[in-house]
Amino acid sequence: MESAEEMMEFTEETMESAEEIMGSTGETMESAVEHRDQRKEEEEDLWKHRDLRKGQEEDLWKHRDLRERYRHLMQECRNLRKEDRDLKQEWQDLRNEHRDLRQDLREEHRDLHEEYLYLQEW
């Protein structure tokens, strides 16, 4: 009988030990699953961060390209303003030359007319 009691006691201890092992195994499995999920979330966060940095880098390149385009347009604007000033000056010079030529022509016409009148008196 003692041996049956010992057997029952041994079986109970074995069952308790098995339950403890299974419990710790379950905890270990839960911990492993939590760790896996945490690593998965961290990996997703890294991908999101990478995508954000890539987007920021693209934005920087766009900003750089826009800034370069702005500089180019400003230089073109300065060149056009200079060309405009040069054309206005050329226009003014031509107007002055035209005025002077008309004045010269009037004087020459007046001189010729006086000479004509003088010759007519002879």
N, C-alpha and C. Protein backbone atom coordinates (compact mmCIF):
# COMPACT_ATOMS: atom_id res chain seq x y z
N MET A 1 0.81 -1.17 0.00
CA MET A 1 0.00 0.00 0.00
C MET A 1 0.86 1.24 0.00
N GLU A 2 1.88 1.11 0.81
CA GLU A 2 2.78 2.25 0.87
C GLU A 2 3.31 2.56 -0.53
N SER A 3 3.53 1.58 -1.23
CA SER A 3 4.06 1.78 -2.56
C SER A 3 3.01 2.43 -3.45
N ALA A 4 1.73 2.16 -3.27
CA ALA A 4 0.69 2.81 -4.06
C ALA A 4 0.58 4.27 -3.66
N GLU A 5 0.71 4.54 -2.35
CA GLU A 5 0.68 5.94 -1.90
C GLU A 5 1.88 6.68 -2.43
N GLU A 6 3.03 6.05 -2.38
CA GLU A 6 4.24 6.69 -2.93
C GLU A 6 4.07 6.93 -4.42
N MET A 7 3.43 5.95 -5.06
CA MET A 7 3.21 6.07 -6.49
C MET A 7 2.27 7.25 -6.77
N MET A 8 1.23 7.40 -5.99
CA MET A 8 0.28 8.48 -6.16
C MET A 8 0.97 9.81 -5.87
N GLU A 9 1.75 9.83 -4.81
CA GLU A 9 2.47 11.05 -4.45
C GLU A 9 3.45 11.42 -5.55
N PHE A 10 4.14 10.41 -6.09
CA PHE A 10 5.11 10.64 -7.17
C PHE A 10 4.38 11.16 -8.41
N THR A 11 3.23 10.59 -8.69
CA THR A 11 2.44 11.00 -9.85
C THR A 11 1.96 12.44 -9.67
N GLU A 12 1.50 12.75 -8.46
CA GLU A 12 1.06 14.12 -8.20
C GLU A 12 2.22 15.10 -8.34
N GLU A 13 3.37 14.76 -7.78
CA GLU A 13 4.55 15.63 -7.91
C GLU A 13 4.95 15.79 -9.37
N THR A 14 4.89 14.68 -10.08
CA THR A 14 5.23 14.70 -11.50
C THR A 14 4.26 15.59 -12.26
N MET A 15 2.97 15.48 -11.92
CA MET A 15 1.97 16.30 -12.58
C MET A 15 2.18 17.78 -12.25
N GLU A 16 2.46 18.06 -10.96
CA GLU A 16 2.73 19.45 -10.57
C GLU A 16 3.96 19.97 -11.29
N SER A 17 4.98 19.15 -11.35
CA SER A 17 6.22 19.54 -12.04
C SER A 17 5.94 19.75 -13.53
N ALA A 18 5.13 18.88 -14.09
CA ALA A 18 4.79 19.01 -15.52
C ALA A 18 3.99 20.28 -15.74
N GLU A 19 3.07 20.59 -14.82
CA GLU A 19 2.27 21.81 -14.94
C GLU A 19 3.17 23.04 -14.84
N GLU A 20 4.14 22.98 -13.91
CA GLU A 20 5.08 24.09 -13.78
C GLU A 20 5.89 24.27 -15.07
N ILE A 21 6.35 23.14 -15.59
CA ILE A 21 7.14 23.19 -16.83
C ILE A 21 6.28 23.72 -17.96
N MET A 22 5.05 23.20 -18.07
CA MET A 22 4.15 23.65 -19.13
C MET A 22 3.81 25.13 -18.94
N GLY A 23 3.61 25.52 -17.67
CA GLY A 23 3.32 26.93 -17.40
C GLY A 23 4.49 27.80 -17.81
N SER A 24 5.69 27.40 -17.44
CA SER A 24 6.85 28.21 -17.82
C SER A 24 7.08 28.16 -19.31
N THR A 25 6.79 27.03 -19.93
CA THR A 25 6.90 26.94 -21.38
C THR A 25 5.90 27.87 -22.03
N GLY A 26 4.67 27.89 -21.49
CA GLY A 26 3.65 28.80 -22.02
C GLY A 26 4.07 30.24 -21.86
N GLU A 27 4.65 30.56 -20.67
CA GLU A 27 5.14 31.91 -20.45
C GLU A 27 6.26 32.24 -21.44
N THR A 28 7.12 31.25 -21.65
CA THR A 28 8.22 31.44 -22.58
C THR A 28 7.68 31.66 -23.99
N MET A 29 6.66 30.88 -24.36
CA MET A 29 6.06 31.04 -25.69
C MET A 29 5.41 32.41 -25.81
N GLU A 30 4.67 32.81 -24.77
CA GLU A 30 4.04 34.13 -24.78
C GLU A 30 5.09 35.22 -24.90
N SER A 31 6.18 35.04 -24.14
CA SER A 31 7.27 36.01 -24.17
C SER A 31 7.90 36.05 -25.56
N ALA A 32 8.08 34.88 -26.16
CA ALA A 32 8.66 34.82 -27.50
C ALA A 32 7.74 35.50 -28.51
N VAL A 33 6.44 35.26 -28.38
CA VAL A 33 5.47 35.89 -29.30
C VAL A 33 5.48 37.40 -29.11
N GLU A 34 5.50 37.85 -27.83
CA GLU A 34 5.56 39.29 -27.56
C GLU A 34 6.84 39.89 -28.12
N HIS A 35 7.95 39.19 -27.94
CA HIS A 35 9.24 39.66 -28.45
C HIS A 35 9.19 39.75 -29.98
N ARG A 36 8.62 38.72 -30.63
CA ARG A 36 8.50 38.72 -32.08
C ARG A 36 7.64 39.89 -32.55
N ASP A 37 6.50 40.10 -31.87
CA ASP A 37 5.60 41.20 -32.23
C ASP A 37 6.30 42.55 -32.04
N GLN A 38 7.06 42.65 -30.94
CA GLN A 38 7.78 43.90 -30.67
C GLN A 38 8.82 44.15 -31.76
N ARG A 39 9.55 43.09 -32.15
CA ARG A 39 10.56 43.25 -33.22
C ARG A 39 9.88 43.62 -34.53
N LYS A 40 8.71 43.03 -34.78
CA LYS A 40 7.97 43.34 -36.00
C LYS A 40 7.55 44.82 -36.00
N GLU A 41 7.05 45.30 -34.86
CA GLU A 41 6.67 46.71 -34.74
C GLU A 41 7.88 47.62 -34.93
N GLU A 42 9.01 47.23 -34.33
CA GLU A 42 10.24 48.03 -34.47
C GLU A 42 10.68 48.05 -35.92
N GLU A 43 10.57 46.91 -36.61
CA GLU A 43 10.94 46.86 -38.02
C GLU A 43 10.02 47.75 -38.85
N GLU A 44 8.71 47.71 -38.55
CA GLU A 44 7.76 48.58 -39.26
C GLU A 44 8.08 50.05 -38.99
N ASP A 45 8.43 50.35 -37.74
CA ASP A 45 8.81 51.73 -37.41
C ASP A 45 10.06 52.14 -38.18
N LEU A 46 11.01 51.22 -38.30
CA LEU A 46 12.22 51.53 -39.07
C LEU A 46 11.89 51.79 -40.54
N TRP A 47 10.98 50.99 -41.10
CA TRP A 47 10.58 51.21 -42.49
C TRP A 47 9.87 52.55 -42.64
N LYS A 48 8.98 52.86 -41.67
CA LYS A 48 8.30 54.15 -41.72
C LYS A 48 9.31 55.29 -41.64
N HIS A 49 10.27 55.15 -40.71
CA HIS A 49 11.31 56.17 -40.56
C HIS A 49 12.11 56.31 -41.84
N ARG A 50 12.45 55.16 -42.45
CA ARG A 50 13.20 55.17 -43.71
C ARG A 50 12.40 55.88 -44.80
N ASP A 51 11.10 55.55 -44.86
CA ASP A 51 10.25 56.19 -45.87
C ASP A 51 10.16 57.70 -45.62
N LEU A 52 10.03 58.09 -44.34
CA LEU A 52 9.99 59.52 -44.02
C LEU A 52 11.29 60.20 -44.42
N ARG A 53 12.41 59.56 -44.11
CA ARG A 53 13.70 60.16 -44.48
C ARG A 53 13.84 60.25 -45.99
N LYS A 54 13.37 59.21 -46.68
CA LYS A 54 13.42 59.24 -48.14
C LYS A 54 12.57 60.38 -48.67
N GLY A 55 11.37 60.55 -48.07
CA GLY A 55 10.49 61.65 -48.47
C GLY A 55 11.13 63.00 -48.18
N GLN A 56 11.79 63.11 -47.01
CA GLN A 56 12.48 64.36 -46.66
C GLN A 56 13.62 64.61 -47.63
N GLU A 57 14.33 63.55 -48.00
CA GLU A 57 15.44 63.71 -48.94
C GLU A 57 14.91 64.17 -50.30
N GLU A 58 13.79 63.58 -50.73
CA GLU A 58 13.18 64.01 -51.99
C GLU A 58 12.74 65.47 -51.90
N ASP A 59 12.15 65.84 -50.76
CA ASP A 59 11.75 67.23 -50.56
C ASP A 59 12.95 68.16 -50.62
N LEU A 60 14.08 67.73 -50.03
CA LEU A 60 15.29 68.55 -50.07
C LEU A 60 15.78 68.73 -51.51
N TRP A 61 15.73 67.64 -52.29
CA TRP A 61 16.15 67.74 -53.69
C TRP A 61 15.21 68.66 -54.47
N LYS A 62 13.89 68.53 -54.19
CA LYS A 62 12.94 69.42 -54.87
C LYS A 62 13.21 70.87 -54.48
N HIS A 63 13.45 71.09 -53.18
CA HIS A 63 13.74 72.43 -52.70
C HIS A 63 15.01 72.96 -53.37
N ARG A 64 16.03 72.11 -53.45
CA ARG A 64 17.28 72.51 -54.09
C ARG A 64 17.05 72.84 -55.56
N ASP A 65 16.28 71.98 -56.25
CA ASP A 65 15.98 72.24 -57.66
C ASP A 65 15.18 73.53 -57.83
N LEU A 66 14.20 73.75 -56.95
CA LEU A 66 13.41 74.98 -57.02
C LEU A 66 14.27 76.21 -56.75
N ARG A 67 15.17 76.08 -55.77
CA ARG A 67 16.06 77.20 -55.45
C ARG A 67 16.97 77.50 -56.64
N GLU A 68 17.47 76.45 -57.29
CA GLU A 68 18.32 76.62 -58.47
C GLU A 68 17.52 77.26 -59.61
N ARG A 69 16.30 76.81 -59.79
CA ARG A 69 15.42 77.38 -60.83
C ARG A 69 15.14 78.86 -60.51
N TYR A 70 14.89 79.16 -59.22
CA TYR A 70 14.65 80.54 -58.80
C TYR A 70 15.86 81.41 -59.12
N ARG A 71 17.06 80.92 -58.80
CA ARG A 71 18.28 81.68 -59.11
C ARG A 71 18.41 81.92 -60.61
N HIS A 72 18.11 80.88 -61.38
CA HIS A 72 18.20 81.00 -62.84
C HIS A 72 17.20 82.04 -63.35
N LEU A 73 15.95 81.99 -62.83
CA LEU A 73 14.94 82.96 -63.26
C LEU A 73 15.30 84.38 -62.84
N MET A 74 15.86 84.52 -61.63
CA MET A 74 16.26 85.86 -61.18
C MET A 74 17.38 86.40 -62.08
N GLN A 75 18.32 85.54 -62.46
CA GLN A 75 19.39 85.98 -63.36
C GLN A 75 18.81 86.37 -64.71
N GLU A 76 17.87 85.57 -65.19
CA GLU A 76 17.22 85.89 -66.46
C GLU A 76 16.47 87.22 -66.35
N CYS A 77 15.82 87.45 -65.22
CA CYS A 77 15.11 88.71 -64.99
C CYS A 77 16.08 89.88 -65.01
N ARG A 78 17.22 89.73 -64.34
CA ARG A 78 18.23 90.81 -64.34
C ARG A 78 18.73 91.07 -65.76
N ASN A 79 18.95 89.99 -66.52
CA ASN A 79 19.41 90.16 -67.90
C ASN A 79 18.36 90.89 -68.74
N LEU A 80 17.09 90.53 -68.54
CA LEU A 80 16.01 91.19 -69.30
C LEU A 80 15.89 92.67 -68.92
N ARG A 81 16.05 92.96 -67.64
CA ARG A 81 16.01 94.37 -67.21
C ARG A 81 17.14 95.17 -67.84
N LYS A 82 18.32 94.57 -67.87
CA LYS A 82 19.47 95.24 -68.48
C LYS A 82 19.21 95.44 -69.98
N GLU A 83 18.69 94.40 -70.63
CA GLU A 83 18.37 94.51 -72.05
C GLU A 83 17.31 95.59 -72.27
N ASP A 84 16.32 95.66 -71.39
CA ASP A 84 15.28 96.69 -71.48
C ASP A 84 15.90 98.09 -71.35
N ARG A 85 16.79 98.26 -70.36
CA ARG A 85 17.45 99.56 -70.20
C ARG A 85 18.27 99.90 -71.45
N ASP A 86 18.98 98.91 -71.98
CA ASP A 86 19.79 99.15 -73.18
C ASP A 86 18.91 99.54 -74.36
N LEU A 87 17.77 98.85 -74.51
CA LEU A 87 16.85 99.17 -75.62
C LEU A 87 16.24 100.56 -75.45
N LYS A 88 15.88 100.89 -74.22
CA LYS A 88 15.35 102.24 -73.98
C LYS A 88 16.40 103.30 -74.30
N GLN A 89 17.63 103.04 -73.92
CA GLN A 89 18.71 103.98 -74.22
C GLN A 89 18.92 104.09 -75.73
N GLU A 90 18.90 102.94 -76.40
CA GLU A 90 19.06 102.94 -77.86
C GLU A 90 17.90 103.71 -78.52
N TRP A 91 16.68 103.51 -78.02
CA TRP A 91 15.51 104.23 -78.53
C TRP A 91 15.67 105.74 -78.33
N GLN A 92 16.13 106.11 -77.14
CA GLN A 92 16.34 107.53 -76.85
C GLN A 92 17.42 108.10 -77.76
N ASP A 93 18.49 107.34 -77.95
CA ASP A 93 19.56 107.80 -78.85
C ASP A 93 19.04 107.98 -80.28
N LEU A 94 18.21 107.05 -80.73
CA LEU A 94 17.65 107.16 -82.08
C LEU A 94 16.71 108.36 -82.19
N ARG A 95 15.92 108.59 -81.16
CA ARG A 95 15.04 109.78 -81.18
C ARG A 95 15.86 111.06 -81.23
N ASN A 96 16.93 111.10 -80.43
CA ASN A 96 17.79 112.30 -80.45
C ASN A 96 18.45 112.47 -81.80
N GLU A 97 18.91 111.37 -82.37
CA GLU A 97 19.55 111.44 -83.69
C GLU A 97 18.53 111.90 -84.74
N HIS A 98 17.32 111.38 -84.65
CA HIS A 98 16.26 111.79 -85.57
C HIS A 98 15.97 113.28 -85.42
N ARG A 99 15.86 113.75 -84.18
CA ARG A 99 15.62 115.17 -83.92
C ARG A 99 16.76 116.01 -84.51
N ASP A 100 17.99 115.57 -84.28
CA ASP A 100 19.15 116.32 -84.79
C ASP A 100 19.16 116.34 -86.32
N LEU A 101 18.82 115.21 -86.92
CA LEU A 101 18.80 115.15 -88.38
C LEU A 101 17.71 116.06 -88.96
N ARG A 102 16.57 116.09 -88.31
CA ARG A 102 15.50 116.98 -88.75
C ARG A 102 15.93 118.44 -88.61
N GLN A 103 16.61 118.74 -87.51
CA GLN A 103 17.09 120.10 -87.30
C GLN A 103 18.11 120.46 -88.38
N ASP A 104 19.03 119.53 -88.65
CA ASP A 104 20.03 119.77 -89.70
C ASP A 104 19.36 119.96 -91.06
N LEU A 105 18.35 119.14 -91.30
CA LEU A 105 17.64 119.23 -92.57
C LEU A 105 16.91 120.58 -92.70
N ARG A 106 16.31 121.04 -91.62
CA ARG A 106 15.66 122.36 -91.64
C ARG A 106 16.67 123.46 -91.93
N GLU A 107 17.78 123.37 -91.23
CA GLU A 107 18.81 124.40 -91.44
C GLU A 107 19.33 124.36 -92.87
N GLU A 108 19.55 123.17 -93.38
CA GLU A 108 20.04 123.05 -94.74
C GLU A 108 18.98 123.55 -95.73
N HIS A 109 17.74 123.23 -95.45
CA HIS A 109 16.65 123.70 -96.31
C HIS A 109 16.56 125.23 -96.28
N ARG A 110 16.70 125.79 -95.07
CA ARG A 110 16.66 127.25 -94.94
C ARG A 110 17.84 127.87 -95.70
N ASP A 111 19.04 127.28 -95.54
CA ASP A 111 20.21 127.80 -96.25
C ASP A 111 20.02 127.72 -97.76
N LEU A 112 19.52 126.60 -98.21
CA LEU A 112 19.29 126.43 -99.65
C LEU A 112 18.22 127.41 -100.15
N HIS A 113 17.23 127.61 -99.36
CA HIS A 113 16.19 128.56 -99.74
C HIS A 113 16.75 129.99 -99.81
N GLU A 114 17.57 130.35 -98.85
CA GLU A 114 18.20 131.68 -98.88
C GLU A 114 19.11 131.81 -100.10
N GLU A 115 19.82 130.76 -100.39
CA GLU A 115 20.70 130.80 -101.56
C GLU A 115 19.86 130.91 -102.84
N TYR A 116 18.77 130.18 -102.88
CA TYR A 116 17.88 130.25 -104.02
C TYR A 116 17.33 131.67 -104.21
N LEU A 117 16.91 132.27 -103.09
CA LEU A 117 16.39 133.64 -103.17
C LEU A 117 17.49 134.61 -103.60
N TYR A 118 18.67 134.41 -103.11
CA TYR A 118 19.80 135.27 -103.49
C TYR A 118 20.07 135.14 -104.98
N LEU A 119 20.05 133.88 -105.48
CA LEU A 119 20.32 133.65 -106.90
C LEU A 119 19.18 134.21 -107.77
N GLN A 120 18.03 134.23 -107.26
CA GLN A 120 16.90 134.76 -108.01
C GLN A 120 17.01 136.27 -108.18
N GLU A 121 17.63 136.91 -107.22
CA GLU A 121 17.79 138.35 -107.31
C GLU A 121 18.78 138.73 -108.41
N TRP A 122 19.63 137.93 -108.73
CA TRP A 122 20.61 138.22 -109.76
C TRP A 122 19.98 138.20 -111.06
